Structures are given as C-alpha cells and as structure tokens.
Amino acid sequence: MVDSFRLDFSQMLDHRLKYDVIAEGNPASLEAVIKAPGSVAQASRIQHYRSADIRVDGALVELNVTHMDAFESSRYAHDKRLGDSEVLLSEQAARTLGVLPQETLRILGETMTVAGTFSAFGDLKPRLIVDDQSAIAEAMGAELKMASVAFESNSPKALARALKASSSTLEIRLQSDIRRIALNVFDQTFAITTVLITIALLVAAISVYIAVTTLRLNRQTGRQLLNTLGVNRVEQHLMNLAMGIGLGAVAMIVALPLGVMFGWILCNVINPRAFGWTIELQVSAGALLWPCAWGMLAAILAGMLQVGDAEEGAFGGR
C-alpha cells in the first residue's frame, strides 16, 4: 500500500508543480509584486490564486478562484478549460457533500455542475475550485483574498532571486525544491513501514519453518515404517524437501491473493473512509516476489535440516 501511496503522491506532485516558482504571503505584498514590472519580467506566465472559506450544504469548505484555462485545469486532472458554471471538487469535498461528477451543486445561490474531482493529499478541509469568470467569483470578489502567485519561467532561479529582492515579506520557493522536500518527508515518514514489513516477513518465514518442522516431527513413526521398507536416508531427505517445497507453494498460493485483497480493501475502502481520498492499488513484482522468496526459503530449509532425525534411533531404525 505504501508503494501505491508514494506513486499516487508523486503523480500528484507532477501535476500540481507544473509552475517553476511560487510566492506566498501577505495579500497586499502579492498584489504589489505582480504589479511591479521589473520583478516579474522573467516570468512567461503568471497565475493568481484567491481563496475564501464558505459553507456549502452546511459544510465548511475552502473556495479557490483562479483562471482555469486548459493548462491550469490539467493540474487537477481535468483535460479542458473549466466552464463558468462548472466546479472542480477535491475527493474530500465530493465525499463530504455527497456528489459525483456531472451532478449539480448549489454554491452561494448558483447552480454549478461538478466537472470532476482531484486528489488533494494532506488538505486540511474540503476544497472547491471555480474559474475567475464564474458568477461565484464575481459574487465573492470582495471576500476573496490573494493566497499565492505562481510563475512559469525559463530561468526560475533568476526569477526567484528577483522576487526575493523586490519583497522581503514574501515566501519564495522553487517548485523543484518543493517536490524534492515533499518526497523526502514522505520517505522519512514511512521509513518505519520498511522495518515493519521486514519484521512481518521474518515472522511469516519462521511460521512456515515451524509448520514444516512440526510435520516432520509428527511423522517419526511413519519413518520407522519407511526404514523397514528399505527407504534409505537420501530418499527420505528428498521426501522432506518435497514436503517443504509443497507446503511453501501452497502457502504462497493462498497468501498472495489474500494479501492483494487486503491491500485493495485498505486502498479503496478503509483509506477513503478514514482520510477522504482514494489510492490506486499498484501491485509491483517486488512486493510479490520478496514474500514468496522468504517463505519458500524457510520451507526449503525446514525440509533440508535434519530436525528430529536423532530421535528416530529410538525405534531402532537405520
């Protein structure tokens, strides 16, 4: 599940961080920066973001207003310009408000069509996005405050330096740095899961080993009969090895579908109910092969080791 979460998170960053530089801070300072020609001369595209908190069907949501052309809409997994009577909802907002794409929603007295939903990992509250030409944006004009400004540039570092020089009160960040820091934080946050997975694999391998060893100990009386029938030591070792491989194979055949099923439940049932967003389950070869390798290795070792063979002498065998 962690691998699936990281892949979805990385894809979301690829979509959202299409701009090169972002400025955040006091709304008045943001307004002053974008109106100063010298500070943004190196920017080939400037995107303003305004926001306000509103209530929709009794739920508190964050309303974002910006120019939603095709490029901006693509950052939210929408493949065309957002219409004046359309709205994009985060997965949390869609779940909170109980609406699906292509359904209508009343927002501030206006009937809006839900054009689609987008992933918003880590959002503190449900979020709605409308175009700056919509009736909602016009009605909320006085209450909307500029939250951030994004810039696209062929020289992002030079643009960042110019913006920092023009205003010391704004927080200027390169999107490439944001992506790197976000993935580093993600990896550090879920580093403990690697340890837990390793412990789980070791416990599973030990369990398979104990199961095979227990079967061998319970077959001591049967080995006396094999000795009487003339089955030699090498042949009995081969039988033990075959039993270990067979038990390991059966365990893998049963465990893998169950593991995939539990992963699907976590991604598509538990996670949406707990956090409000979905994760697409990605089944990688490594995630399947490592448990199989550990399990089969434990089963083979249990079949090869001569556990309980010394006690067979009590029956006078060999």
C-alpha atoms as a PDB file:
ATOM      1  CA  MET A   1       0.000   0.000   0.000  1.00  0.00           C
ATOM      2  CA  VAL A   2       2.862   2.384   0.789  1.00  0.00           C
ATOM      3  CA  ASP A   3       4.301   1.885  -2.707  1.00  0.00           C
ATOM      4  CA  SER A   4       0.893   2.687  -4.210  1.00  0.00           C
ATOM      5  CA  PHE A   5       0.554   5.758  -1.989  1.00  0.00           C
ATOM      6  CA  ARG A   6       4.013   7.013  -2.973  1.00  0.00           C
ATOM      7  CA  LEU A   7       3.294   6.544  -6.672  1.00  0.00           C
ATOM      8  CA  ASP A   8      -0.015   8.432  -6.423  1.00  0.00           C
ATOM      9  CA  PHE A   9       1.631  11.143  -4.338  1.00  0.00           C
ATOM     10  CA  SER A  10       4.461  11.505  -6.862  1.00  0.00           C
ATOM     11  CA  GLN A  11       1.991  11.716  -9.756  1.00  0.00           C
ATOM     12  CA  MET A  12       0.009  14.373  -7.900  1.00  0.00           C
ATOM     13  CA  LEU A  13       3.199  16.409  -7.420  1.00  0.00           C
ATOM     14  CA  ASP A  14       3.979  16.093 -11.133  1.00  0.00           C
ATOM     15  CA  HIS A  15       0.555  17.531 -11.958  1.00  0.00           C
ATOM     16  CA  ARG A  16       0.496  20.298  -9.353  1.00  0.00           C
ATOM     17  CA  LEU A  17       4.074  21.509  -9.622  1.00  0.00           C
ATOM     18  CA  LYS A  18       3.959  22.486 -13.276  1.00  0.00           C
ATOM     19  CA  TYR A  19       4.994  26.032 -12.446  1.00  0.00           C
ATOM     20  CA  ASP A  20       8.581  26.935 -11.608  1.00  0.00           C
ATOM     21  CA  VAL A  21       8.266  29.442  -8.771  1.00  0.00           C
ATOM     22  CA  ILE A  22       5.553  30.160  -6.232  1.00  0.00           C
ATOM     23  CA  ALA A  23       5.163  33.191  -3.972  1.00  0.00           C
ATOM     24  CA  GLU A  24       3.070  33.146  -0.803  1.00  0.00           C
ATOM     25  CA  GLY A  25       2.459  35.693   1.918  1.00  0.00           C
ATOM     26  CA  ASN A  26       0.539  38.846   2.655  1.00  0.00           C
ATOM     27  CA  PRO A  27      -2.159  39.542   0.014  1.00  0.00           C
ATOM     28  CA  ALA A  28      -1.102  43.182  -0.286  1.00  0.00           C
ATOM     29  CA  SER A  29       2.524  42.192  -0.879  1.00  0.00           C
ATOM     30  CA  LEU A  30       1.476  39.686  -3.538  1.00  0.00           C
ATOM     31  CA  GLU A  31      -0.565  42.346  -5.319  1.00  0.00           C
ATOM     32  CA  ALA A  32       2.406  44.724  -5.220  1.00  0.00           C
ATOM     33  CA  VAL A  33       4.799  42.132  -6.653  1.00  0.00           C
ATOM     34  CA  ILE A  34       2.736  41.210  -9.677  1.00  0.00           C
ATOM     35  CA  LYS A  35       2.138  44.881 -10.457  1.00  0.00           C
ATOM     36  CA  ALA A  36       5.863  45.673 -10.403  1.00  0.00           C
ATOM     37  CA  PRO A  37       7.115  45.047 -13.964  1.00  0.00           C
ATOM     38  CA  GLY A  38      10.763  44.614 -13.033  1.00  0.00           C
ATOM     39  CA  SER A  39      10.297  41.795 -10.540  1.00  0.00           C
ATOM     40  CA  VAL A  40       8.309  39.535 -12.868  1.00  0.00           C
ATOM     41  CA  ALA A  41       9.961  40.413 -16.178  1.00  0.00           C
ATOM     42  CA  GLN A  42      11.442  36.914 -16.472  1.00  0.00           C
ATOM     43  CA  ALA A  43       8.094  35.157 -15.996  1.00  0.00           C
ATOM     44  CA  SER A  44       6.401  33.767 -19.107  1.00  0.00           C
ATOM     45  CA  ARG A  45       3.176  33.004 -17.226  1.00  0.00           C
ATOM     46  CA  ILE A  46       1.662  34.365 -14.023  1.00  0.00           C
ATOM     47  CA  GLN A  47      -1.179  32.619 -12.212  1.00  0.00           C
ATOM     48  CA  HIS A  48      -3.091  34.298  -9.351  1.00  0.00           C
ATOM     49  CA  TYR A  49      -4.856  32.236  -6.688  1.00  0.00           C
ATOM     50  CA  ARG A  50      -7.529  33.719  -4.453  1.00  0.00           C
ATOM     51  CA  SER A  51      -9.386  31.874  -1.733  1.00  0.00           C
ATOM     52  CA  ALA A  52     -12.079  32.188   0.926  1.00  0.00           C
ATOM     53  CA  ASP A  53     -13.890  29.890   3.327  1.00  0.00           C
ATOM     54  CA  ILE A  54     -17.582  29.352   2.576  1.00  0.00           C
ATOM     55  CA  ARG A  55     -20.340  26.969   3.583  1.00  0.00           C
ATOM     56  CA  VAL A  56     -21.967  24.598   1.115  1.00  0.00           C
ATOM     57  CA  ASP A  57     -24.883  22.490   2.366  1.00  0.00           C
ATOM     58  CA  GLY A  58     -23.779  23.297   5.892  1.00  0.00           C
ATOM     59  CA  ALA A  59     -20.207  22.083   5.387  1.00  0.00           C
ATOM     60  CA  LEU A  60     -17.230  24.437   5.718  1.00  0.00           C
ATOM     61  CA  VAL A  61     -15.128  24.289   2.541  1.00  0.00           C
ATOM     62  CA  GLU A  62     -12.289  26.259   1.000  1.00  0.00           C
ATOM     63  CA  LEU A  63     -13.144  28.047  -2.250  1.00  0.00           C
ATOM     64  CA  ASN A  64     -10.261  28.629  -4.676  1.00  0.00           C
ATOM     65  CA  VAL A  65     -10.647  31.044  -7.584  1.00  0.00           C
ATOM     66  CA  THR A  66      -8.200  31.321 -10.478  1.00  0.00           C
ATOM     67  CA  HIS A  67      -8.105  31.440 -14.270  1.00  0.00           C
ATOM     68  CA  MET A  68      -8.925  27.843 -15.182  1.00  0.00           C
ATOM     69  CA  ASP A  69      -7.724  27.529 -18.761  1.00  0.00           C
ATOM     70  CA  ALA A  70      -6.700  24.131 -20.201  1.00  0.00           C
ATOM     71  CA  PHE A  71      -3.173  24.332 -18.765  1.00  0.00           C
ATOM     72  CA  GLU A  72      -4.343  25.174 -15.254  1.00  0.00           C
ATOM     73  CA  SER A  73      -7.163  22.605 -15.386  1.00  0.00           C
ATOM     74  CA  SER A  74      -4.677  19.889 -16.336  1.00  0.00           C
ATOM     75  CA  ARG A  75      -3.023  20.365 -12.930  1.00  0.00           C
ATOM     76  CA  TYR A  76      -6.223  18.956 -11.427  1.00  0.00           C
ATOM     77  CA  ALA A  77      -6.653  16.021 -13.834  1.00  0.00           C
ATOM     78  CA  HIS A  78      -9.208  17.947 -15.939  1.00  0.00           C
ATOM     79  CA  ASP A  79      -8.393  17.872 -19.649  1.00  0.00           C
ATOM     80  CA  LYS A  80     -10.091  21.076 -20.799  1.00  0.00           C
ATOM     81  CA  ARG A  81     -10.932  24.607 -19.738  1.00  0.00           C
ATOM     82  CA  LEU A  82     -13.267  24.818 -16.762  1.00  0.00           C
ATOM     83  CA  GLY A  83     -16.574  26.394 -17.731  1.00  0.00           C
ATOM     84  CA  ASP A  84     -18.105  29.383 -15.962  1.00  0.00           C
ATOM     85  CA  SER A  85     -20.834  27.166 -14.488  1.00  0.00           C
ATOM     86  CA  GLU A  86     -18.535  24.271 -13.580  1.00  0.00           C
ATOM     87  CA  VAL A  87     -16.655  23.435 -10.397  1.00  0.00           C
ATOM     88  CA  LEU A  88     -13.862  21.030  -9.505  1.00  0.00           C
ATOM     89  CA  LEU A  89     -14.031  19.266  -6.141  1.00  0.00           C
ATOM     90  CA  SER A  90     -11.355  17.577  -4.090  1.00  0.00           C
ATOM     91  CA  GLU A  91     -12.123  13.970  -3.203  1.00  0.00           C
ATOM     92  CA  GLN A  92     -12.741  15.071   0.387  1.00  0.00           C
ATOM     93  CA  ALA A  93     -15.241  17.699  -0.793  1.00  0.00           C
ATOM     94  CA  ALA A  94     -17.070  15.254  -3.067  1.00  0.00           C
ATOM     95  CA  ARG A  95     -17.374  12.761  -0.227  1.00  0.00           C
ATOM     96  CA  THR A  96     -18.415  15.405   2.310  1.00  0.00           C
ATOM     97  CA  LEU A  97     -21.064  16.914   0.022  1.00  0.00           C
ATOM     98  CA  GLY A  98     -22.191  13.556  -1.371  1.00  0.00           C
ATOM     99  CA  VAL A  99     -21.926  14.475  -5.058  1.00  0.00           C
ATOM    100  CA  LEU A 100     -20.427  12.774  -8.101  1.00  0.00           C
ATOM    101  CA  PRO A 101     -19.030  14.182 -11.373  1.00  0.00           C
ATOM    102  CA  GLN A 102     -21.690  15.600 -13.726  1.00  0.00           C
ATOM    103  CA  GLU A 103     -24.093  16.165 -10.842  1.00  0.00           C
ATOM    104  CA  THR A 104     -25.160  19.686  -9.847  1.00  0.00           C
ATOM    105  CA  LEU A 105     -24.364  21.550  -6.667  1.00  0.00           C
ATOM    106  CA  ARG A 106     -25.781  24.767  -5.219  1.00  0.00           C
ATOM    107  CA  ILE A 107     -23.000  27.152  -4.200  1.00  0.00           C
ATOM    108  CA  LEU A 108     -23.845  30.621  -2.906  1.00  0.00           C
ATOM    109  CA  GLY A 109     -27.155  30.549  -4.729  1.00  0.00           C
ATOM    110  CA  GLU A 110     -25.618  29.423  -8.041  1.00  0.00           C
ATOM    111  CA  THR A 111     -26.190  26.015  -9.645  1.00  0.00           C
ATOM    112  CA  MET A 112     -22.809  24.555 -10.608  1.00  0.00           C
ATOM    113  CA  THR A 113     -22.008  21.328 -12.443  1.00  0.00           C
ATOM    114  CA  VAL A 114     -19.314  19.137 -10.916  1.00  0.00           C
ATOM    115  CA  ALA A 115     -16.837  18.787 -13.782  1.00  0.00           C
ATOM    116  CA  GLY A 116     -14.595  16.349 -11.923  1.00  0.00           C
ATOM    117  CA  THR A 117     -12.678  15.521  -8.763  1.00  0.00           C
ATOM    118  CA  PHE A 118      -8.979  15.686  -7.946  1.00  0.00           C
ATOM    119  CA  SER A 119      -6.653  14.186  -5.357  1.00  0.00           C
ATOM    120  CA  ALA A 120      -5.673  16.511  -2.539  1.00  0.00           C
ATOM    121  CA  PHE A 121      -3.468  14.572  -0.124  1.00  0.00           C
ATOM    122  CA  GLY A 122      -2.991  16.489   3.093  1.00  0.00           C
ATOM    123  CA  ASP A 123      -5.704  19.136   2.614  1.00  0.00           C
ATOM    124  CA  LEU A 124      -6.999  20.327   5.971  1.00  0.00           C
ATOM    125  CA  LYS A 125     -10.514  20.939   4.652  1.00  0.00           C
ATOM    126  CA  PRO A 126     -12.611  20.107   1.558  1.00  0.00           C
ATOM    127  CA  ARG A 127     -11.726  22.291  -1.429  1.00  0.00           C
ATOM    128  CA  LEU A 128     -13.662  23.689  -4.410  1.00  0.00           C
ATOM    129  CA  ILE A 129     -12.137  25.363  -7.485  1.00  0.00           C
ATOM    130  CA  VAL A 130     -14.012  27.696  -9.865  1.00  0.00           C
ATOM    131  CA  ASP A 131     -12.944  29.901 -12.767  1.00  0.00           C
ATOM    132  CA  ASP A 132     -12.364  33.595 -12.106  1.00  0.00           C
ATOM    133  CA  GLN A 133     -15.075  34.431 -14.664  1.00  0.00           C
ATOM    134  CA  SER A 134     -17.797  32.465 -12.889  1.00  0.00           C
ATOM    135  CA  ALA A 135     -20.732  34.097 -11.132  1.00  0.00           C
ATOM    136  CA  ILE A 136     -19.427  32.789  -7.805  1.00  0.00           C
ATOM    137  CA  ALA A 137     -16.110  34.589  -8.275  1.00  0.00           C
ATOM    138  CA  GLU A 138     -17.928  37.827  -9.065  1.00  0.00           C
ATOM    139  CA  ALA A 139     -20.214  37.477  -6.053  1.00  0.00           C
ATOM    140  CA  MET A 140     -17.280  36.726  -3.733  1.00  0.00           C
ATOM    141  CA  GLY A 141     -15.000  39.384  -5.193  1.00  0.00           C
ATOM    142  CA  ALA A 142     -14.679  41.476  -2.040  1.00  0.00           C
ATOM    143  CA  GLU A 143     -14.147  38.497   0.260  1.00  0.00           C
ATOM    144  CA  LEU A 144     -11.571  36.664  -1.833  1.00  0.00           C
ATOM    145  CA  LYS A 145      -8.001  37.194  -0.688  1.00  0.00           C
ATOM    146  CA  MET A 146      -4.966  36.500  -2.824  1.00  0.00           C
ATOM    147  CA  ALA A 147      -3.283  33.432  -1.336  1.00  0.00           C
ATOM    148  CA  SER A 148      -0.408  32.798  -3.739  1.00  0.00           C
ATOM    149  CA  VAL A 149       1.023  33.582  -7.163  1.00  0.00           C
ATOM    150  CA  ALA A 150       2.691  31.005  -9.418  1.00  0.00           C
ATOM    151  CA  PHE A 151       5.205  31.852 -12.134  1.00  0.00           C
ATOM    152  CA  GLU A 152       6.443  29.941 -15.145  1.00  0.00           C
ATOM    153  CA  SER A 153       9.891  30.905 -16.361  1.00  0.00           C
ATOM    154  CA  ASN A 154      12.839  29.669 -18.398  1.00  0.00           C
ATOM    155  CA  SER A 155      15.129  30.987 -15.624  1.00  0.00           C
ATOM    156  CA  PRO A 156      13.389  30.010 -12.379  1.00  0.00           C
ATOM    157  CA  LYS A 157      16.355  30.652 -10.086  1.00  0.00           C
ATOM    158  CA  ALA A 158      16.920  34.150 -11.506  1.00  0.00           C
ATOM    159  CA  LEU A 159      13.208  34.880 -11.176  1.00  0.00           C
ATOM    160  CA  ALA A 160      13.212  33.665  -7.567  1.00  0.00           C
ATOM    161  CA  ARG A 161      16.137  35.962  -6.744  1.00  0.00           C
ATOM    162  CA  ALA A 162      14.355  38.918  -8.363  1.00  0.00           C
ATOM    163  CA  LEU A 163      11.174  38.234  -6.402  1.00  0.00           C
ATOM    164  CA  LYS A 164      13.068  37.940  -3.129  1.00  0.00           C
ATOM    165  CA  ALA A 165      14.828  41.239  -3.847  1.00  0.00           C
ATOM    166  CA  SER A 166      11.530  43.000  -4.592  1.00  0.00           C
ATOM    167  CA  SER A 167       9.824  41.885  -1.361  1.00  0.00           C
ATOM    168  CA  SER A 168      11.362  40.515   1.805  1.00  0.00           C
ATOM    169  CA  THR A 169       7.968  39.678   3.341  1.00  0.00           C
ATOM    170  CA  LEU A 170       7.030  37.006   0.806  1.00  0.00           C
ATOM    171  CA  GLU A 171       7.999  33.346   0.898  1.00  0.00           C
ATOM    172  CA  ILE A 172       9.508  32.453  -2.482  1.00  0.00           C
ATOM    173  CA  ARG A 173      10.005  28.788  -3.297  1.00  0.00           C
ATOM    174  CA  LEU A 174      11.173  26.832  -6.301  1.00  0.00           C
ATOM    175  CA  GLN A 175       8.737  24.085  -7.209  1.00  0.00           C
ATOM    176  CA  SER A 176      11.615  21.665  -7.823  1.00  0.00           C
ATOM    177  CA  ASP A 177      12.692  22.157  -4.201  1.00  0.00           C
ATOM    178  CA  ILE A 178       9.111  21.590  -3.028  1.00  0.00           C
ATOM    179  CA  ARG A 179       8.925  18.281  -4.883  1.00  0.00           C
ATOM    180  CA  ARG A 180      12.255  17.081  -3.509  1.00  0.00           C
ATOM    181  CA  ILE A 181      11.401  18.069   0.063  1.00  0.00           C
ATOM    182  CA  ALA A 182       7.911  16.556  -0.180  1.00  0.00           C
ATOM    183  CA  LEU A 183       9.246  13.177  -1.338  1.00  0.00           C
ATOM    184  CA  ASN A 184      11.987  13.226   1.304  1.00  0.00           C
ATOM    185  CA  VAL A 185       9.420  13.911   4.017  1.00  0.00           C
ATOM    186  CA  PHE A 186       7.216  11.136   2.622  1.00  0.00           C
ATOM    187  CA  ASP A 187      10.086   8.631   2.660  1.00  0.00           C
ATOM    188  CA  GLN A 188      11.121   9.618   6.189  1.00  0.00           C
ATOM    189  CA  THR A 189       7.531   9.412   7.417  1.00  0.00           C
ATOM    190  CA  PHE A 190       7.008   5.903   6.063  1.00  0.00           C
ATOM    191  CA  ALA A 191      10.529   4.607   6.779  1.00  0.00           C
ATOM    192  CA  ILE A 192       9.145   2.699   9.764  1.00  0.00           C
ATOM    193  CA  THR A 193       6.917   0.708   7.412  1.00  0.00           C
ATOM    194  CA  THR A 194      10.028  -0.821   5.810  1.00  0.00           C
ATOM    195  CA  VAL A 195      11.091  -2.105   9.222  1.00  0.00           C
ATOM    196  CA  LEU A 196       7.591  -3.400   9.957  1.00  0.00           C
ATOM    197  CA  ILE A 197       7.407  -5.168   6.582  1.00  0.00           C
ATOM    198  CA  THR A 198      10.798  -6.802   7.212  1.00  0.00           C
ATOM    199  CA  ILE A 199       9.656  -7.982  10.658  1.00  0.00           C
ATOM    200  CA  ALA A 200       6.417  -9.334   9.158  1.00  0.00           C
ATOM    201  CA  LEU A 201       8.362 -11.255   6.503  1.00  0.00           C
ATOM    202  CA  LEU A 202      10.671 -12.749   9.131  1.00  0.00           C
ATOM    203  CA  VAL A 203       7.706 -13.789  11.300  1.00  0.00           C
ATOM    204  CA  ALA A 204       5.997 -15.350   8.283  1.00  0.00           C
ATOM    205  CA  ALA A 205       9.172 -17.208   7.318  1.00  0.00           C
ATOM    206  CA  ILE A 206       9.622 -18.504  10.864  1.00  0.00           C
ATOM    207  CA  SER A 207       5.988 -19.639  10.906  1.00  0.00           C
ATOM    208  CA  VAL A 208       6.470 -21.625   7.689  1.00  0.00           C
ATOM    209  CA  TYR A 209       9.657 -23.147   9.110  1.00  0.00           C
ATOM    210  CA  ILE A 210       7.886 -24.190  12.325  1.00  0.00           C
ATOM    211  CA  ALA A 211       4.957 -25.644  10.359  1.00  0.00           C
ATOM    212  CA  VAL A 212       7.241 -27.807   8.202  1.00  0.00           C
ATOM    213  CA  THR A 213       9.355 -28.868  11.187  1.00  0.00           C
ATOM    214  CA  THR A 214       6.236 -29.826  13.175  1.00  0.00           C
ATOM    215  CA  LEU A 215       5.019 -32.000  10.299  1.00  0.00           C
ATOM    216  CA  ARG A 216       8.367 -33.762  10.199  1.00  0.00           C
ATOM    217  CA  LEU A 217       8.364 -34.425  13.955  1.00  0.00           C
ATOM    218  CA  ASN A 218       4.834 -35.853  13.736  1.00  0.00           C
ATOM    219  CA  ARG A 219       5.970 -38.298  11.047  1.00  0.00           C
ATOM    220  CA  GLN A 220       8.620 -40.105  13.116  1.00  0.00           C
ATOM    221  CA  THR A 221       6.523 -43.287  13.427  1.00  0.00           C
ATOM    222  CA  GLY A 222       5.983 -43.228   9.695  1.00  0.00           C
ATOM    223  CA  ARG A 223       9.713 -43.004   9.138  1.00  0.00           C
ATOM    224  CA  GLN A 224      10.176 -46.276  11.046  1.00  0.00           C
ATOM    225  CA  LEU A 225       7.903 -47.928   8.509  1.00  0.00           C
ATOM    226  CA  LEU A 226       9.889 -46.348   5.666  1.00  0.00           C
ATOM    227  CA  ASN A 227      13.102 -47.689   7.180  1.00  0.00           C
ATOM    228  CA  THR A 228      11.538 -51.156   7.391  1.00  0.00           C
ATOM    229  CA  LEU A 229      10.540 -50.925   3.735  1.00  0.00           C
ATOM    230  CA  GLY A 230      14.121 -50.112   2.797  1.00  0.00           C
ATOM    231  CA  VAL A 231      13.769 -46.406   2.021  1.00  0.00           C
ATOM    232  CA  ASN A 232      17.261 -45.030   2.536  1.00  0.00           C
ATOM    233  CA  ARG A 233      18.331 -41.787   4.204  1.00  0.00           C
ATOM    234  CA  VAL A 234      18.816 -39.830   0.929  1.00  0.00           C
ATOM    235  CA  GLU A 235      15.354 -40.754  -0.296  1.00  0.00           C
ATOM    236  CA  GLN A 236      13.817 -39.651   2.994  1.00  0.00           C
ATOM    237  CA  HIS A 237      15.678 -36.320   2.779  1.00  0.00           C
ATOM    238  CA  LEU A 238      14.262 -35.832  -0.710  1.00  0.00           C
ATOM    239  CA  MET A 239      10.770 -36.578   0.611  1.00  0.00           C
ATOM    240  CA  ASN A 240      11.268 -33.981   3.372  1.00  0.00           C
ATOM    241  CA  LEU A 241      12.498 -31.452   0.835  1.00  0.00           C
ATOM    242  CA  ALA A 242       9.496 -32.120  -1.427  1.00  0.00           C
ATOM    243  CA  MET A 243       7.163 -31.717   1.550  1.00  0.00           C
ATOM    244  CA  GLY A 244       8.759 -28.378   2.437  1.00  0.00           C
ATOM    245  CA  ILE A 245       8.532 -27.090  -1.141  1.00  0.00           C
ATOM    246  CA  GLY A 246       4.940 -28.274  -1.429  1.00  0.00           C
ATOM    247  CA  LEU A 247       3.879 -26.637   1.828  1.00  0.00           C
ATOM    248  CA  GLY A 248       5.653 -23.404   0.847  1.00  0.00           C
ATOM    249  CA  ALA A 249       3.963 -23.402  -2.557  1.00  0.00           C
ATOM    250  CA  VAL A 250       0.533 -23.944  -1.006  1.00  0.00           C
ATOM    251  CA  ALA A 251       1.192 -21.121   1.480  1.00  0.00           C
ATOM    252  CA  MET A 252       2.174 -18.750  -1.343  1.00  0.00           C
ATOM    253  CA  ILE A 253      -0.866 -19.689  -3.447  1.00  0.00           C
ATOM    254  CA  VAL A 254      -3.170 -18.925  -0.519  1.00  0.00           C
ATOM    255  CA  ALA A 255      -1.317 -15.898   0.879  1.00  0.00           C
ATOM    256  CA  LEU A 256      -0.774 -13.843  -2.291  1.00  0.00           C
ATOM    257  CA  PRO A 257      -4.459 -13.439  -3.270  1.00  0.00           C
ATOM    258  CA  LEU A 258      -5.329 -12.671   0.358  1.00  0.00           C
ATOM    259  CA  GLY A 259      -2.587 -10.031   0.521  1.00  0.00           C
ATOM    260  CA  VAL A 260      -3.774  -8.370  -2.686  1.00  0.00           C
ATOM    261  CA  MET A 261      -7.362  -8.454  -1.423  1.00  0.00           C
ATOM    262  CA  PHE A 262      -6.407  -6.821   1.896  1.00  0.00           C
ATOM    263  CA  GLY A 263      -4.392  -4.194   0.001  1.00  0.00           C
ATOM    264  CA  TRP A 264      -7.408  -3.384  -2.177  1.00  0.00           C
ATOM    265  CA  ILE A 265      -9.611  -3.058   0.925  1.00  0.00           C
ATOM    266  CA  LEU A 266      -7.097  -0.677   2.530  1.00  0.00           C
ATOM    267  CA  CYS A 267      -6.792   1.488  -0.599  1.00  0.00           C
ATOM    268  CA  ASN A 268     -10.414   1.586  -1.719  1.00  0.00           C
ATOM    269  CA  VAL A 269     -12.455   1.164   1.467  1.00  0.00           C
ATOM    270  CA  ILE A 270     -10.595   1.985   4.662  1.00  0.00           C
ATOM    271  CA  ASN A 271      -8.426   4.850   3.372  1.00  0.00           C
ATOM    272  CA  PRO A 272     -11.312   6.809   1.751  1.00  0.00           C
ATOM    273  CA  ARG A 273     -13.407   6.487   4.900  1.00  0.00           C
ATOM    274  CA  ALA A 274     -10.530   7.457   7.183  1.00  0.00           C
ATOM    275  CA  PHE A 275      -8.901  10.267   5.168  1.00  0.00           C
ATOM    276  CA  GLY A 276     -11.291  11.083   2.318  1.00  0.00           C
ATOM    277  CA  TRP A 277      -9.070  10.199  -0.630  1.00  0.00           C
ATOM    278  CA  THR A 278      -8.539   7.067  -2.712  1.00  0.00           C
ATOM    279  CA  ILE A 279      -5.285   5.368  -3.635  1.00  0.00           C
ATOM    280  CA  GLU A 280      -4.926   3.285  -6.773  1.00  0.00           C
ATOM    281  CA  LEU A 281      -3.525  -0.085  -5.758  1.00  0.00           C
ATOM    282  CA  GLN A 282      -0.279  -0.784  -7.631  1.00  0.00           C
ATOM    283  CA  VAL A 283       0.861  -4.402  -7.390  1.00  0.00           C
ATOM    284  CA  SER A 284       4.589  -4.475  -8.096  1.00  0.00           C
ATOM    285  CA  ALA A 285       6.701  -7.527  -8.831  1.00  0.00           C
ATOM    286  CA  GLY A 286       8.984  -6.780  -5.892  1.00  0.00           C
ATOM    287  CA  ALA A 287       6.079  -6.653  -3.449  1.00  0.00           C
ATOM    288  CA  LEU A 288       5.027 -10.153  -4.564  1.00  0.00           C
ATOM    289  CA  LEU A 289       8.405 -11.820  -5.089  1.00  0.00           C
ATOM    290  CA  TRP A 290      10.059 -10.912  -1.781  1.00  0.00           C
ATOM    291  CA  PRO A 291       7.439 -12.621   0.446  1.00  0.00           C
ATOM    292  CA  CYS A 292       7.458 -15.632  -1.888  1.00  0.00           C
ATOM    293  CA  ALA A 293      11.247 -15.858  -1.729  1.00  0.00           C
ATOM    294  CA  TRP A 294      11.355 -15.653   2.072  1.00  0.00           C
ATOM    295  CA  GLY A 295       8.536 -18.162   2.500  1.00  0.00           C
ATOM    296  CA  MET A 296       9.949 -20.692   0.046  1.00  0.00           C
ATOM    297  CA  LEU A 297      13.449 -20.341   1.517  1.00  0.00           C
ATOM    298  CA  ALA A 298      12.140 -21.064   5.019  1.00  0.00           C
ATOM    299  CA  ALA A 299      10.140 -24.056   3.770  1.00  0.00           C
ATOM    300  CA  ILE A 300      13.117 -25.488   1.874  1.00  0.00           C
ATOM    301  CA  LEU A 301      15.455 -25.041   4.848  1.00  0.00           C
ATOM    302  CA  ALA A 302      12.952 -26.709   7.148  1.00  0.00           C
ATOM    303  CA  GLY A 303      12.741 -29.630   4.740  1.00  0.00           C
ATOM    304  CA  MET A 304      16.533 -29.963   4.383  1.00  0.00           C
ATOM    305  CA  LEU A 305      17.574 -29.669   8.026  1.00  0.00           C
ATOM    306  CA  GLN A 306      17.698 -32.958   9.932  1.00  0.00           C
ATOM    307  CA  VAL A 307      15.364 -31.861  12.726  1.00  0.00           C
ATOM    308  CA  GLY A 308      14.119 -34.846  14.746  1.00  0.00           C
ATOM    309  CA  ASP A 309      16.271 -37.377  12.889  1.00  0.00           C
ATOM    310  CA  ALA A 310      18.304 -38.195  16.001  1.00  0.00           C
ATOM    311  CA  GLU A 311      15.184 -39.341  17.821  1.00  0.00           C
ATOM    312  CA  GLU A 312      14.451 -41.859  15.077  1.00  0.00           C
ATOM    313  CA  GLY A 313      17.105 -44.116  16.561  1.00  0.00           C
ATOM    314  CA  ALA A 314      14.781 -44.875  19.481  1.00  0.00           C
ATOM    315  CA  PHE A 315      12.796 -47.052  17.113  1.00  0.00           C
ATOM    316  CA  GLY A 316      15.861 -48.935  16.048  1.00  0.00           C
ATOM    317  CA  GLY A 317      15.802 -47.566  12.547  1.00  0.00           C
ATOM    318  CA  ARG A 318      18.761 -47.041  10.163  1.00  0.00           C
END
